[in-house]
Amino acid sequence: MHICMKVGKTIDGPVKPTLSDGTAGNVEPGSMTLPLCQKVVDKTILTSEEEIGDAMRLMNKKFGVTIEGAAGCALAGYFKDRKRNGNKKSCVVICGSNICPEKFARVIAGENE
């Protein structure tokens, strides 16, 4: 999506293994995803696998919550840009825990893909 937003059209980009299954892959041509993002997204933030894993571990350690990689990606993006809104309150929607127990155990152990 980041590349598509940058160039303003749906194109195929590199696809690599990631903890964030929900954000992996290319944008399907003709889907409503890119036009919707162009309308409502004002900034994209790229996160590393390490940052995603760190966010997942933090949620588990601090709150006892299991989150999937896409939710970890959102939280990691917030951490990278948390000063953006100054002293205003911010919200990160953590909406998924769709991760197999074995994969989550590897993340908790610090073994990112």
Protein backbone atom coordinates (compact mmCIF):
# COMPACT_ATOMS: atom_id res chain seq x y z
CA MET A 1 0.00 0.00 0.00
CA HIS A 2 2.85 2.37 0.84
CA ILE A 3 4.22 2.11 -2.71
CA CYS A 4 0.74 2.43 -4.27
CA MET A 5 0.02 5.53 -2.21
CA LYS A 6 3.37 7.00 -3.24
CA VAL A 7 2.81 6.49 -6.98
CA GLY A 8 -0.96 7.06 -6.91
CA LYS A 9 -2.01 3.79 -8.54
CA THR A 10 -2.19 0.06 -7.88
CA ILE A 11 1.12 -1.64 -8.71
CA ASP A 12 2.79 -4.85 -7.61
CA GLY A 13 5.61 -4.40 -5.14
CA PRO A 14 7.97 -6.76 -3.40
CA VAL A 15 6.31 -9.26 -1.06
CA LYS A 16 8.37 -10.71 1.78
CA PRO A 17 7.51 -12.95 4.75
CA THR A 18 6.22 -10.89 7.66
CA LEU A 19 4.68 -11.17 11.10
CA SER A 20 1.94 -8.89 9.77
CA ASP A 21 -0.02 -11.35 7.61
CA GLY A 22 -2.93 -8.90 7.41
CA THR A 23 -0.80 -6.30 5.66
CA ALA A 24 1.26 -8.67 3.51
CA GLY A 25 0.88 -8.89 -0.24
CA ASN A 26 -0.11 -6.51 -2.96
CA VAL A 27 -3.25 -4.43 -3.36
CA GLU A 28 -5.73 -6.17 -5.64
CA PRO A 29 -6.26 -4.17 -8.85
CA GLY A 30 -9.74 -2.66 -9.02
CA SER A 31 -10.36 -3.03 -5.28
CA MET A 32 -11.72 -0.15 -3.24
CA THR A 33 -8.70 -0.25 -0.91
CA LEU A 34 -6.42 2.25 -2.67
CA PRO A 35 -9.10 4.88 -3.42
CA LEU A 36 -10.32 4.64 0.17
CA CYS A 37 -6.80 5.02 1.57
CA GLN A 38 -6.12 7.96 -0.77
CA LYS A 39 -9.21 9.63 0.66
CA VAL A 40 -8.62 9.08 4.39
CA VAL A 41 -4.88 8.40 4.95
CA ASP A 42 -2.59 11.40 5.23
CA LYS A 43 0.63 9.57 6.13
CA THR A 44 2.04 6.05 5.97
CA ILE A 45 4.66 4.74 8.37
CA LEU A 46 6.84 1.74 7.56
CA THR A 47 7.73 -0.60 10.43
CA SER A 48 10.35 -3.32 10.67
CA GLU A 49 9.76 -6.92 11.69
CA GLU A 50 11.66 -6.19 14.90
CA GLU A 51 9.37 -3.23 15.70
CA ILE A 52 6.26 -5.33 15.03
CA GLY A 53 7.53 -8.11 17.29
CA ASP A 54 8.46 -5.60 20.00
CA ALA A 55 4.91 -4.18 19.94
CA MET A 56 3.39 -7.66 20.14
CA ARG A 57 5.63 -8.57 23.09
CA LEU A 58 4.80 -5.30 24.86
CA MET A 59 1.04 -5.90 24.63
CA ASN A 60 1.50 -9.42 25.96
CA LYS A 61 3.84 -8.45 28.78
CA LYS A 62 2.01 -5.30 29.91
CA PHE A 63 -1.61 -6.34 29.33
CA GLY A 64 -1.54 -10.14 28.90
CA VAL A 65 -3.06 -9.70 25.44
CA THR A 66 -2.27 -11.75 22.35
CA ILE A 67 -2.24 -9.60 19.22
CA GLU A 68 -1.55 -10.54 15.63
CA GLY A 69 1.17 -8.97 13.53
CA ALA A 70 -1.13 -6.48 11.76
CA ALA A 71 -2.18 -5.06 15.14
CA GLY A 72 1.49 -5.04 16.15
CA CYS A 73 2.23 -3.13 12.95
CA ALA A 74 -0.31 -0.44 13.87
CA LEU A 75 1.11 -0.11 17.39
CA ALA A 76 4.70 -0.04 16.10
CA GLY A 77 3.73 2.76 13.69
CA TYR A 78 2.30 4.74 16.59
CA PHE A 79 5.53 4.33 18.57
CA LYS A 80 7.56 5.60 15.59
CA ASP A 81 5.42 8.74 15.26
CA ARG A 82 3.92 9.27 18.72
CA LYS A 83 5.06 12.90 18.99
CA ARG A 84 3.12 13.83 15.85
CA ASN A 85 0.01 14.93 17.75
CA GLY A 86 1.84 16.76 20.53
CA ASN A 87 -0.06 16.55 23.79
CA LYS A 88 -3.31 15.44 22.15
CA LYS A 89 -4.69 12.04 23.08
CA SER A 90 -4.22 9.32 20.49
CA CYS A 91 -5.86 5.98 19.85
CA VAL A 92 -4.52 2.84 18.18
CA VAL A 93 -7.14 0.27 17.27
CA ILE A 94 -5.88 -3.18 18.26
CA CYS A 95 -8.41 -5.33 16.49
CA GLY A 96 -6.89 -8.74 15.93
CA SER A 97 -5.51 -11.78 17.68
CA ASN A 98 -5.59 -14.08 14.68
CA ILE A 99 -2.20 -15.74 15.09
CA CYS A 100 -1.38 -19.39 15.61
CA PRO A 101 -0.12 -20.18 19.12
CA GLU A 102 3.19 -21.58 17.84
CA LYS A 103 3.97 -18.43 15.84
CA PHE A 104 3.00 -16.21 18.77
CA ALA A 105 5.24 -18.23 21.10
CA ARG A 106 8.16 -17.64 18.70
CA VAL A 107 7.46 -13.89 18.72
CA ILE A 108 7.29 -13.80 22.52
CA ALA A 109 10.61 -15.67 22.62
CA GLY A 110 12.09 -12.97 20.36
CA GLU A 111 12.28 -15.15 17.25
CA ASN A 112 10.84 -12.87 14.52
CA GLU A 113 10.38 -14.35 11.07
